[in-house]
């Protein structure tokens, strides 16, 4: 037993040391205020107004691998989409999301900490929905490094917490934040409005059409440029890169443009939205449904390859 404890302790020590080195290497610029670290969370975990939400890519790991003590499981497809729409990952209504938040025990004065195992792509969708429906965003944090950051320094739990239902009240959706395929088609494909940038935040092989997921067609919306939002985090530590590094990703996009961003189902585009808003871009909107909507609509045009327009849509 003593040897096992010593071994576990040494493993945790070296994992912590590696995470510290990764964090130092990624600290070339300031981190945004909404990012919290494991030390901050550990100190505040007993706060009765704190609600911790886990949004894993594979939700069963909440039980099989474990979760932060007291964390509520968020099932990304059931809880974060419109279960009565096609595609199902359109954003939920205010009423539906409010009901879900209450089931998690969220009140108007709750401080929320969001974490995932997907370089904050999962948490970014929750963050976006909270902002869309008028929650007090000064009360929302994202655990930088997610499950990896916490498990390197702290124990995981497997017991599901019991929470009293909350009483949070959300506001009507902010206007002009969500766009539909009709907006994208009109402004980008048909008009080629120079004041609008269409941003595809998926991996490059999905943008080109080499890999097809979540739709029957591959490629991208004609006119879209590709910036991979997942590249804004360090793949080993799962932590955000410096703001200088993230700004370099988007250096080709002027801040005075209106940006429509999309991915397959609204997670990576929510991360792009959060990155851009953090960098000071003022008018950033998300295409509701994304490629899961456009790529499955056979009447809508598609471009393939590494350029925004292929030969069929060249000027």
C-alpha atoms as a PDB file:
ATOM      1  CA  UNK A   1       0.000   0.000   0.000  1.00  0.00           C
ATOM      2  CA  UNK A   2       2.822   2.393   0.910  1.00  0.00           C
ATOM      3  CA  UNK A   3       4.592   1.670  -2.384  1.00  0.00           C
ATOM      4  CA  UNK A   4       1.378   2.324  -4.326  1.00  0.00           C
ATOM      5  CA  UNK A   5       0.891   5.648  -2.559  1.00  0.00           C
ATOM      6  CA  UNK A   6       4.495   6.603  -3.274  1.00  0.00           C
ATOM      7  CA  UNK A   7       4.119   5.650  -6.947  1.00  0.00           C
ATOM      8  CA  UNK A   8       0.873   7.606  -7.313  1.00  0.00           C
ATOM      9  CA  UNK A   9       2.430  10.587  -5.592  1.00  0.00           C
ATOM     10  CA  UNK A  10       5.452  10.579  -7.901  1.00  0.00           C
ATOM     11  CA  UNK A  11       3.231  10.263 -10.991  1.00  0.00           C
ATOM     12  CA  UNK A  12       1.202  13.241  -9.863  1.00  0.00           C
ATOM     13  CA  UNK A  13       4.367  15.237  -9.134  1.00  0.00           C
ATOM     14  CA  UNK A  14       5.798  14.678 -12.603  1.00  0.00           C
ATOM     15  CA  UNK A  15       2.475  15.373 -14.306  1.00  0.00           C
ATOM     16  CA  UNK A  16       2.237  18.635 -12.371  1.00  0.00           C
ATOM     17  CA  UNK A  17       5.787  19.532 -13.353  1.00  0.00           C
ATOM     18  CA  UNK A  18       5.077  18.887 -17.038  1.00  0.00           C
ATOM     19  CA  UNK A  19       1.898  20.948 -16.918  1.00  0.00           C
ATOM     20  CA  UNK A  20       3.781  23.800 -15.282  1.00  0.00           C
ATOM     21  CA  UNK A  21       6.399  23.714 -18.041  1.00  0.00           C
ATOM     22  CA  UNK A  22       3.733  23.652 -20.766  1.00  0.00           C
ATOM     23  CA  UNK A  23       1.908  26.536 -19.117  1.00  0.00           C
ATOM     24  CA  UNK A  24       5.138  28.549 -18.882  1.00  0.00           C
ATOM     25  CA  UNK A  25       5.925  27.880 -22.533  1.00  0.00           C
ATOM     26  CA  UNK A  26       2.472  29.079 -23.551  1.00  0.00           C
ATOM     27  CA  UNK A  27       2.536  32.260 -21.468  1.00  0.00           C
ATOM     28  CA  UNK A  28       3.993  34.677 -24.021  1.00  0.00           C
ATOM     29  CA  UNK A  29       0.961  36.934 -23.582  1.00  0.00           C
ATOM     30  CA  UNK A  30      -1.798  37.615 -21.097  1.00  0.00           C
ATOM     31  CA  UNK A  31      -4.634  35.142 -20.591  1.00  0.00           C
ATOM     32  CA  UNK A  32      -8.252  36.384 -20.550  1.00  0.00           C
ATOM     33  CA  UNK A  33      -9.959  36.964 -17.207  1.00  0.00           C
ATOM     34  CA  UNK A  34     -12.533  34.217 -17.700  1.00  0.00           C
ATOM     35  CA  UNK A  35      -9.862  31.500 -17.586  1.00  0.00           C
ATOM     36  CA  UNK A  36      -9.362  29.938 -14.150  1.00  0.00           C
ATOM     37  CA  UNK A  37      -6.713  27.448 -13.038  1.00  0.00           C
ATOM     38  CA  UNK A  38      -6.968  24.387 -10.818  1.00  0.00           C
ATOM     39  CA  UNK A  39      -5.613  26.221  -7.766  1.00  0.00           C
ATOM     40  CA  UNK A  40      -8.358  28.842  -7.984  1.00  0.00           C
ATOM     41  CA  UNK A  41     -11.025  26.171  -8.398  1.00  0.00           C
ATOM     42  CA  UNK A  42      -9.717  24.081  -5.497  1.00  0.00           C
ATOM     43  CA  UNK A  43      -9.852  27.128  -3.215  1.00  0.00           C
ATOM     44  CA  UNK A  44     -13.425  27.962  -4.272  1.00  0.00           C
ATOM     45  CA  UNK A  45     -14.870  24.464  -4.625  1.00  0.00           C
ATOM     46  CA  UNK A  46     -16.765  24.644  -1.315  1.00  0.00           C
ATOM     47  CA  UNK A  47     -18.446  27.943  -2.205  1.00  0.00           C
ATOM     48  CA  UNK A  48     -22.211  27.229  -2.027  1.00  0.00           C
ATOM     49  CA  UNK A  49     -22.821  29.560  -4.984  1.00  0.00           C
ATOM     50  CA  UNK A  50     -20.370  27.693  -7.214  1.00  0.00           C
ATOM     51  CA  UNK A  51     -21.736  25.371  -9.913  1.00  0.00           C
ATOM     52  CA  UNK A  52     -19.181  23.274 -11.805  1.00  0.00           C
ATOM     53  CA  UNK A  53     -20.244  21.882 -15.188  1.00  0.00           C
ATOM     54  CA  UNK A  54     -18.406  19.102 -17.014  1.00  0.00           C
ATOM     55  CA  UNK A  55     -18.887  18.891 -20.790  1.00  0.00           C
ATOM     56  CA  UNK A  56     -16.890  15.922 -22.074  1.00  0.00           C
ATOM     57  CA  UNK A  57     -16.686  14.819 -25.688  1.00  0.00           C
ATOM     58  CA  UNK A  58     -17.524  11.305 -24.438  1.00  0.00           C
ATOM     59  CA  UNK A  59     -19.983  11.919 -21.596  1.00  0.00           C
ATOM     60  CA  UNK A  60     -19.712   8.418 -20.085  1.00  0.00           C
ATOM     61  CA  UNK A  61     -16.230   9.291 -18.809  1.00  0.00           C
ATOM     62  CA  UNK A  62     -17.953  11.403 -16.170  1.00  0.00           C
ATOM     63  CA  UNK A  63     -18.657   8.062 -14.478  1.00  0.00           C
ATOM     64  CA  UNK A  64     -15.903   5.755 -15.765  1.00  0.00           C
ATOM     65  CA  UNK A  65     -12.913   8.100 -15.438  1.00  0.00           C
ATOM     66  CA  UNK A  66     -14.364  10.485 -12.898  1.00  0.00           C
ATOM     67  CA  UNK A  67     -15.074  14.176 -12.573  1.00  0.00           C
ATOM     68  CA  UNK A  68     -14.259  17.152 -10.387  1.00  0.00           C
ATOM     69  CA  UNK A  69     -16.014  16.631  -7.033  1.00  0.00           C
ATOM     70  CA  UNK A  70     -19.483  18.162  -7.167  1.00  0.00           C
ATOM     71  CA  UNK A  71     -19.425  18.708 -10.936  1.00  0.00           C
ATOM     72  CA  UNK A  72     -22.676  18.310 -12.865  1.00  0.00           C
ATOM     73  CA  UNK A  73     -22.623  16.213 -16.032  1.00  0.00           C
ATOM     74  CA  UNK A  74     -23.590  18.059 -19.221  1.00  0.00           C
ATOM     75  CA  UNK A  75     -24.616  15.772 -22.075  1.00  0.00           C
ATOM     76  CA  UNK A  76     -23.607  17.824 -25.083  1.00  0.00           C
ATOM     77  CA  UNK A  77     -26.140  16.533 -27.596  1.00  0.00           C
ATOM     78  CA  UNK A  78     -29.153  16.342 -25.293  1.00  0.00           C
ATOM     79  CA  UNK A  79     -28.512  19.458 -23.221  1.00  0.00           C
ATOM     80  CA  UNK A  80     -26.952  21.884 -25.692  1.00  0.00           C
ATOM     81  CA  UNK A  81     -29.008  21.418 -28.853  1.00  0.00           C
ATOM     82  CA  UNK A  82     -32.534  21.732 -30.154  1.00  0.00           C
ATOM     83  CA  UNK A  83     -33.812  18.184 -29.761  1.00  0.00           C
ATOM     84  CA  UNK A  84     -36.781  18.826 -32.060  1.00  0.00           C
ATOM     85  CA  UNK A  85     -34.857  20.286 -35.010  1.00  0.00           C
ATOM     86  CA  UNK A  86     -32.804  18.969 -37.906  1.00  0.00           C
ATOM     87  CA  UNK A  87     -29.878  19.125 -37.505  1.00  0.00           C
ATOM     88  CA  UNK A  88     -30.249  18.463 -33.775  1.00  0.00           C
ATOM     89  CA  UNK A  89     -27.327  20.712 -32.820  1.00  0.00           C
ATOM     90  CA  UNK A  90     -29.078  23.940 -33.653  1.00  0.00           C
ATOM     91  CA  UNK A  91     -29.040  26.163 -30.604  1.00  0.00           C
ATOM     92  CA  UNK A  92     -31.725  25.499 -27.985  1.00  0.00           C
ATOM     93  CA  UNK A  93     -34.411  28.073 -27.289  1.00  0.00           C
ATOM     94  CA  UNK A  94     -34.153  30.370 -24.291  1.00  0.00           C
ATOM     95  CA  UNK A  95     -36.908  28.429 -22.537  1.00  0.00           C
ATOM     96  CA  UNK A  96     -35.248  25.059 -23.137  1.00  0.00           C
ATOM     97  CA  UNK A  97     -31.803  26.245 -22.038  1.00  0.00           C
ATOM     98  CA  UNK A  98     -33.243  27.970 -18.967  1.00  0.00           C
ATOM     99  CA  UNK A  99     -34.967  24.710 -17.980  1.00  0.00           C
ATOM    100  CA  UNK A 100     -31.673  22.842 -18.424  1.00  0.00           C
ATOM    101  CA  UNK A 101     -29.730  25.369 -16.335  1.00  0.00           C
ATOM    102  CA  UNK A 102     -32.266  25.083 -13.548  1.00  0.00           C
ATOM    103  CA  UNK A 103     -31.932  21.297 -13.586  1.00  0.00           C
ATOM    104  CA  UNK A 104     -28.210  21.814 -12.978  1.00  0.00           C
ATOM    105  CA  UNK A 105     -28.941  23.967  -9.930  1.00  0.00           C
ATOM    106  CA  UNK A 106     -28.062  27.321 -11.503  1.00  0.00           C
ATOM    107  CA  UNK A 107     -29.421  30.509  -9.912  1.00  0.00           C
ATOM    108  CA  UNK A 108     -29.064  34.115 -11.042  1.00  0.00           C
ATOM    109  CA  UNK A 109     -26.228  34.637  -8.555  1.00  0.00           C
ATOM    110  CA  UNK A 110     -24.384  31.372  -9.257  1.00  0.00           C
ATOM    111  CA  UNK A 111     -20.736  31.396 -10.275  1.00  0.00           C
ATOM    112  CA  UNK A 112     -20.266  28.851 -13.053  1.00  0.00           C
ATOM    113  CA  UNK A 113     -17.062  26.985 -13.823  1.00  0.00           C
ATOM    114  CA  UNK A 114     -17.054  25.113 -17.133  1.00  0.00           C
ATOM    115  CA  UNK A 115     -14.536  22.451 -18.088  1.00  0.00           C
ATOM    116  CA  UNK A 116     -14.039  19.800 -20.759  1.00  0.00           C
ATOM    117  CA  UNK A 117     -11.459  17.503 -22.323  1.00  0.00           C
ATOM    118  CA  UNK A 118     -11.547  19.184 -25.742  1.00  0.00           C
ATOM    119  CA  UNK A 119      -9.337  22.310 -25.488  1.00  0.00           C
ATOM    120  CA  UNK A 120     -12.421  24.355 -24.444  1.00  0.00           C
ATOM    121  CA  UNK A 121     -14.449  23.679 -27.626  1.00  0.00           C
ATOM    122  CA  UNK A 122     -17.206  22.027 -25.581  1.00  0.00           C
ATOM    123  CA  UNK A 123     -17.201  24.679 -22.862  1.00  0.00           C
ATOM    124  CA  UNK A 124     -17.230  27.472 -25.441  1.00  0.00           C
ATOM    125  CA  UNK A 125     -20.691  26.451 -26.624  1.00  0.00           C
ATOM    126  CA  UNK A 126     -22.068  26.697 -23.076  1.00  0.00           C
ATOM    127  CA  UNK A 127     -20.265  30.026 -22.657  1.00  0.00           C
ATOM    128  CA  UNK A 128     -21.798  31.298 -25.901  1.00  0.00           C
ATOM    129  CA  UNK A 129     -25.327  30.225 -24.919  1.00  0.00           C
ATOM    130  CA  UNK A 130     -25.006  31.904 -21.526  1.00  0.00           C
ATOM    131  CA  UNK A 131     -23.887  35.115 -23.221  1.00  0.00           C
ATOM    132  CA  UNK A 132     -26.571  34.829 -25.917  1.00  0.00           C
ATOM    133  CA  UNK A 133     -29.322  34.658 -23.314  1.00  0.00           C
ATOM    134  CA  UNK A 134     -28.037  37.402 -21.058  1.00  0.00           C
ATOM    135  CA  UNK A 135     -26.440  35.624 -18.104  1.00  0.00           C
ATOM    136  CA  UNK A 136     -24.041  37.726 -16.008  1.00  0.00           C
ATOM    137  CA  UNK A 137     -20.795  36.708 -17.718  1.00  0.00           C
ATOM    138  CA  UNK A 138     -18.663  38.094 -14.888  1.00  0.00           C
ATOM    139  CA  UNK A 139     -19.865  34.993 -13.039  1.00  0.00           C
ATOM    140  CA  UNK A 140     -18.662  32.498 -15.659  1.00  0.00           C
ATOM    141  CA  UNK A 141     -15.220  30.880 -15.704  1.00  0.00           C
ATOM    142  CA  UNK A 142     -13.587  28.249 -17.898  1.00  0.00           C
ATOM    143  CA  UNK A 143     -11.045  25.887 -16.339  1.00  0.00           C
ATOM    144  CA  UNK A 144      -7.917  26.359 -18.424  1.00  0.00           C
ATOM    145  CA  UNK A 145      -6.541  22.919 -19.239  1.00  0.00           C
ATOM    146  CA  UNK A 146      -9.792  21.167 -18.359  1.00  0.00           C
ATOM    147  CA  UNK A 147      -9.741  17.641 -16.996  1.00  0.00           C
ATOM    148  CA  UNK A 148      -5.981  17.331 -17.532  1.00  0.00           C
ATOM    149  CA  UNK A 149      -5.264  20.437 -15.454  1.00  0.00           C
ATOM    150  CA  UNK A 150      -7.437  19.261 -12.566  1.00  0.00           C
ATOM    151  CA  UNK A 151      -6.444  15.581 -12.486  1.00  0.00           C
ATOM    152  CA  UNK A 152      -2.727  16.392 -12.395  1.00  0.00           C
ATOM    153  CA  UNK A 153      -3.104  18.100  -9.022  1.00  0.00           C
ATOM    154  CA  UNK A 154      -6.335  16.762  -7.540  1.00  0.00           C
ATOM    155  CA  UNK A 155      -8.494  13.678  -7.167  1.00  0.00           C
ATOM    156  CA  UNK A 156     -11.466  12.860  -9.377  1.00  0.00           C
ATOM    157  CA  UNK A 157     -14.833  11.718  -7.997  1.00  0.00           C
ATOM    158  CA  UNK A 158     -17.297   9.180  -9.391  1.00  0.00           C
ATOM    159  CA  UNK A 159     -20.325   9.952  -7.239  1.00  0.00           C
ATOM    160  CA  UNK A 160     -23.034  11.977  -8.951  1.00  0.00           C
ATOM    161  CA  UNK A 161     -23.922  15.029  -6.821  1.00  0.00           C
ATOM    162  CA  UNK A 162     -27.453  15.890  -5.819  1.00  0.00           C
ATOM    163  CA  UNK A 163     -28.313  19.503  -6.451  1.00  0.00           C
ATOM    164  CA  UNK A 164     -31.386  21.497  -5.565  1.00  0.00           C
ATOM    165  CA  UNK A 165     -33.088  22.853  -8.725  1.00  0.00           C
ATOM    166  CA  UNK A 166     -32.115  26.423  -9.511  1.00  0.00           C
ATOM    167  CA  UNK A 167     -34.227  29.462 -10.301  1.00  0.00           C
ATOM    168  CA  UNK A 168     -32.173  31.238 -12.981  1.00  0.00           C
ATOM    169  CA  UNK A 169     -34.070  33.460 -15.411  1.00  0.00           C
ATOM    170  CA  UNK A 170     -32.615  34.150 -18.825  1.00  0.00           C
ATOM    171  CA  UNK A 171     -33.270  37.051 -21.186  1.00  0.00           C
ATOM    172  CA  UNK A 172     -34.381  37.068 -24.827  1.00  0.00           C
ATOM    173  CA  UNK A 173     -31.594  36.208 -27.249  1.00  0.00           C
ATOM    174  CA  UNK A 174     -29.326  39.082 -28.219  1.00  0.00           C
ATOM    175  CA  UNK A 175     -30.207  40.235 -31.732  1.00  0.00           C
ATOM    176  CA  UNK A 176     -27.745  39.812 -34.574  1.00  0.00           C
ATOM    177  CA  UNK A 177     -25.587  37.118 -32.957  1.00  0.00           C
ATOM    178  CA  UNK A 178     -26.951  34.019 -34.706  1.00  0.00           C
ATOM    179  CA  UNK A 179     -27.370  33.747 -38.491  1.00  0.00           C
ATOM    180  CA  UNK A 180     -29.163  31.199 -40.665  1.00  0.00           C
ATOM    181  CA  UNK A 181     -28.231  29.630 -44.000  1.00  0.00           C
ATOM    182  CA  UNK A 182     -30.319  32.241 -45.783  1.00  0.00           C
ATOM    183  CA  UNK A 183     -28.119  35.012 -44.356  1.00  0.00           C
ATOM    184  CA  UNK A 184     -24.941  33.204 -45.367  1.00  0.00           C
ATOM    185  CA  UNK A 185     -26.215  32.481 -48.867  1.00  0.00           C
ATOM    186  CA  UNK A 186     -27.447  36.038 -49.427  1.00  0.00           C
ATOM    187  CA  UNK A 187     -24.445  37.896 -48.015  1.00  0.00           C
ATOM    188  CA  UNK A 188     -21.510  35.654 -48.957  1.00  0.00           C
ATOM    189  CA  UNK A 189     -22.470  33.371 -51.844  1.00  0.00           C
ATOM    190  CA  UNK A 190     -24.832  35.635 -53.791  1.00  0.00           C
ATOM    191  CA  UNK A 191     -23.688  39.173 -52.951  1.00  0.00           C
ATOM    192  CA  UNK A 192     -20.052  38.568 -51.906  1.00  0.00           C
ATOM    193  CA  UNK A 193     -20.409  41.415 -49.457  1.00  0.00           C
ATOM    194  CA  UNK A 194     -16.865  42.759 -48.836  1.00  0.00           C
ATOM    195  CA  UNK A 195     -17.801  43.760 -45.295  1.00  0.00           C
ATOM    196  CA  UNK A 196     -18.488  40.161 -44.260  1.00  0.00           C
ATOM    197  CA  UNK A 197     -15.923  37.419 -43.632  1.00  0.00           C
ATOM    198  CA  UNK A 198     -17.147  33.822 -43.601  1.00  0.00           C
ATOM    199  CA  UNK A 199     -14.931  31.775 -41.274  1.00  0.00           C
ATOM    200  CA  UNK A 200     -14.782  27.971 -41.343  1.00  0.00           C
ATOM    201  CA  UNK A 201     -13.285  26.905 -37.999  1.00  0.00           C
ATOM    202  CA  UNK A 202     -12.979  23.175 -38.779  1.00  0.00           C
ATOM    203  CA  UNK A 203      -9.735  21.242 -39.384  1.00  0.00           C
ATOM    204  CA  UNK A 204      -8.174  21.798 -42.806  1.00  0.00           C
ATOM    205  CA  UNK A 205      -8.935  18.303 -44.129  1.00  0.00           C
ATOM    206  CA  UNK A 206     -12.641  18.860 -43.500  1.00  0.00           C
ATOM    207  CA  UNK A 207     -12.509  22.315 -45.102  1.00  0.00           C
ATOM    208  CA  UNK A 208     -10.946  20.915 -48.286  1.00  0.00           C
ATOM    209  CA  UNK A 209     -13.378  18.000 -48.455  1.00  0.00           C
ATOM    210  CA  UNK A 210     -10.765  15.293 -47.935  1.00  0.00           C
ATOM    211  CA  UNK A 211     -12.579  14.191 -44.769  1.00  0.00           C
ATOM    212  CA  UNK A 212     -16.377  14.117 -44.619  1.00  0.00           C
ATOM    213  CA  UNK A 213     -18.200  14.181 -41.282  1.00  0.00           C
ATOM    214  CA  UNK A 214     -21.705  15.056 -40.111  1.00  0.00           C
ATOM    215  CA  UNK A 215     -23.000  15.528 -43.654  1.00  0.00           C
ATOM    216  CA  UNK A 216     -23.369  13.692 -46.928  1.00  0.00           C
ATOM    217  CA  UNK A 217     -21.077  16.154 -48.720  1.00  0.00           C
ATOM    218  CA  UNK A 218     -17.560  17.378 -48.049  1.00  0.00           C
ATOM    219  CA  UNK A 219     -15.917  20.734 -48.656  1.00  0.00           C
ATOM    220  CA  UNK A 220     -16.892  24.184 -47.463  1.00  0.00           C
ATOM    221  CA  UNK A 221     -19.300  27.020 -48.135  1.00  0.00           C
ATOM    222  CA  UNK A 222     -18.094  29.019 -51.167  1.00  0.00           C
ATOM    223  CA  UNK A 223     -16.191  32.073 -49.969  1.00  0.00           C
ATOM    224  CA  UNK A 224     -15.240  30.713 -46.544  1.00  0.00           C
ATOM    225  CA  UNK A 225     -11.692  31.067 -45.270  1.00  0.00           C
ATOM    226  CA  UNK A 226     -10.233  28.461 -42.923  1.00  0.00           C
ATOM    227  CA  UNK A 227      -8.808  29.178 -39.466  1.00  0.00           C
ATOM    228  CA  UNK A 228      -8.760  26.123 -37.190  1.00  0.00           C
ATOM    229  CA  UNK A 229     -10.053  27.279 -33.813  1.00  0.00           C
ATOM    230  CA  UNK A 230      -8.596  24.246 -32.010  1.00  0.00           C
ATOM    231  CA  UNK A 231      -5.131  25.565 -32.903  1.00  0.00           C
ATOM    232  CA  UNK A 232      -5.654  28.261 -30.273  1.00  0.00           C
ATOM    233  CA  UNK A 233      -4.814  25.784 -27.518  1.00  0.00           C
ATOM    234  CA  UNK A 234      -1.726  23.734 -26.719  1.00  0.00           C
ATOM    235  CA  UNK A 235      -2.428  20.135 -27.666  1.00  0.00           C
ATOM    236  CA  UNK A 236      -0.452  18.685 -24.753  1.00  0.00           C
ATOM    237  CA  UNK A 237      -1.537  20.850 -21.827  1.00  0.00           C
ATOM    238  CA  UNK A 238      -5.037  21.562 -23.246  1.00  0.00           C
ATOM    239  CA  UNK A 239      -4.520  25.197 -22.165  1.00  0.00           C
ATOM    240  CA  UNK A 240      -5.100  28.348 -24.183  1.00  0.00           C
ATOM    241  CA  UNK A 241      -2.132  29.729 -26.038  1.00  0.00           C
ATOM    242  CA  UNK A 242      -1.160  33.330 -25.424  1.00  0.00           C
ATOM    243  CA  UNK A 243      -3.396  36.030 -26.857  1.00  0.00           C
ATOM    244  CA  UNK A 244      -0.518  37.079 -29.100  1.00  0.00           C
ATOM    245  CA  UNK A 245      -0.425  33.603 -30.623  1.00  0.00           C
ATOM    246  CA  UNK A 246      -4.196  33.489 -31.055  1.00  0.00           C
ATOM    247  CA  UNK A 247      -4.156  36.951 -32.631  1.00  0.00           C
ATOM    248  CA  UNK A 248      -1.582  35.693 -35.133  1.00  0.00           C
ATOM    249  CA  UNK A 249      -4.044  32.965 -36.184  1.00  0.00           C
ATOM    250  CA  UNK A 250      -6.598  35.602 -37.173  1.00  0.00           C
ATOM    251  CA  UNK A 251      -4.219  38.279 -38.458  1.00  0.00           C
ATOM    252  CA  UNK A 252      -5.717  38.140 -41.975  1.00  0.00           C
ATOM    253  CA  UNK A 253      -9.174  39.122 -40.693  1.00  0.00           C
ATOM    254  CA  UNK A 254      -9.698  42.885 -40.155  1.00  0.00           C
ATOM    255  CA  UNK A 255     -11.428  43.808 -36.914  1.00  0.00           C
ATOM    256  CA  UNK A 256     -13.859  46.156 -38.667  1.00  0.00           C
ATOM    257  CA  UNK A 257     -15.519  43.307 -40.600  1.00  0.00           C
ATOM    258  CA  UNK A 258     -18.629  41.350 -39.662  1.00  0.00           C
ATOM    259  CA  UNK A 259     -17.660  37.713 -39.174  1.00  0.00           C
ATOM    260  CA  UNK A 260     -19.898  34.704 -39.722  1.00  0.00           C
ATOM    261  CA  UNK A 261     -18.285  31.600 -38.241  1.00  0.00           C
ATOM    262  CA  UNK A 262     -19.315  27.983 -38.586  1.00  0.00           C
ATOM    263  CA  UNK A 263     -18.117  24.428 -37.990  1.00  0.00           C
ATOM    264  CA  UNK A 264     -20.009  21.131 -38.082  1.00  0.00           C
ATOM    265  CA  UNK A 265     -22.280  21.511 -35.087  1.00  0.00           C
ATOM    266  CA  UNK A 266     -21.468  24.706 -33.221  1.00  0.00           C
ATOM    267  CA  UNK A 267     -18.687  23.734 -30.810  1.00  0.00           C
ATOM    268  CA  UNK A 268     -15.564  24.779 -32.723  1.00  0.00           C
ATOM    269  CA  UNK A 269     -17.381  27.815 -34.108  1.00  0.00           C
ATOM    270  CA  UNK A 270     -18.295  28.811 -30.538  1.00  0.00           C
ATOM    271  CA  UNK A 271     -14.602  28.542 -29.681  1.00  0.00           C
ATOM    272  CA  UNK A 272     -13.765  30.758 -32.675  1.00  0.00           C
ATOM    273  CA  UNK A 273     -16.440  33.225 -31.524  1.00  0.00           C
ATOM    274  CA  UNK A 274     -14.922  33.298 -28.030  1.00  0.00           C
ATOM    275  CA  UNK A 275     -11.382  33.729 -29.350  1.00  0.00           C
ATOM    276  CA  UNK A 276     -12.388  36.571 -31.654  1.00  0.00           C
ATOM    277  CA  UNK A 277     -14.455  38.371 -29.016  1.00  0.00           C
ATOM    278  CA  UNK A 278     -11.545  38.064 -26.585  1.00  0.00           C
ATOM    279  CA  UNK A 279      -9.272  39.657 -29.190  1.00  0.00           C
ATOM    280  CA  UNK A 280     -11.619  42.627 -29.543  1.00  0.00           C
ATOM    281  CA  UNK A 281     -13.588  41.728 -32.676  1.00  0.00           C
ATOM    282  CA  UNK A 282     -16.939  43.399 -32.117  1.00  0.00           C
ATOM    283  CA  UNK A 283     -19.314  41.820 -34.642  1.00  0.00           C
ATOM    284  CA  UNK A 284     -18.982  38.031 -34.593  1.00  0.00           C
ATOM    285  CA  UNK A 285     -21.950  35.801 -35.419  1.00  0.00           C
ATOM    286  CA  UNK A 286     -22.435  32.029 -35.514  1.00  0.00           C
ATOM    287  CA  UNK A 287     -24.188  30.172 -38.318  1.00  0.00           C
ATOM    288  CA  UNK A 288     -26.857  28.141 -36.523  1.00  0.00           C
ATOM    289  CA  UNK A 289     -26.580  24.561 -37.767  1.00  0.00           C
ATOM    290  CA  UNK A 290     -23.238  24.994 -39.522  1.00  0.00           C
ATOM    291  CA  UNK A 291     -21.975  22.384 -41.923  1.00  0.00           C
ATOM    292  CA  UNK A 292     -24.431  19.857 -40.509  1.00  0.00           C
ATOM    293  CA  UNK A 293     -27.111  22.100 -42.004  1.00  0.00           C
ATOM    294  CA  UNK A 294     -25.435  23.361 -45.188  1.00  0.00           C
ATOM    295  CA  UNK A 295     -23.667  20.136 -46.174  1.00  0.00           C
ATOM    296  CA  UNK A 296     -26.867  18.117 -45.953  1.00  0.00           C
ATOM    297  CA  UNK A 297     -28.914  20.548 -48.041  1.00  0.00           C
ATOM    298  CA  UNK A 298     -28.359  19.337 -51.597  1.00  0.00           C
ATOM    299  CA  UNK A 299     -29.680  22.565 -53.110  1.00  0.00           C
ATOM    300  CA  UNK A 300     -26.855  24.653 -51.606  1.00  0.00           C
ATOM    301  CA  UNK A 301     -23.485  25.075 -53.363  1.00  0.00           C
ATOM    302  CA  UNK A 302     -20.235  23.597 -52.072  1.00  0.00           C
ATOM    303  CA  UNK A 303     -16.586  24.365 -52.842  1.00  0.00           C
ATOM    304  CA  UNK A 304     -13.733  21.881 -52.457  1.00  0.00           C
ATOM    305  CA  UNK A 305     -10.011  22.410 -52.065  1.00  0.00           C
ATOM    306  CA  UNK A 306      -7.821  24.789 -50.101  1.00  0.00           C
ATOM    307  CA  UNK A 307      -9.137  28.059 -51.591  1.00  0.00           C
ATOM    308  CA  UNK A 308     -12.327  29.920 -50.620  1.00  0.00           C
ATOM    309  CA  UNK A 309     -13.704  29.505 -54.148  1.00  0.00           C
ATOM    310  CA  UNK A 310     -13.043  26.586 -56.465  1.00  0.00           C
ATOM    311  CA  UNK A 311     -13.243  26.859 -60.272  1.00  0.00           C
ATOM    312  CA  UNK A 312     -17.026  26.685 -60.306  1.00  0.00           C
ATOM    313  CA  UNK A 313     -17.246  29.882 -58.259  1.00  0.00           C
ATOM    314  CA  UNK A 314     -14.212  31.802 -59.512  1.00  0.00           C
ATOM    315  CA  UNK A 315     -14.774  35.475 -60.252  1.00  0.00           C
END
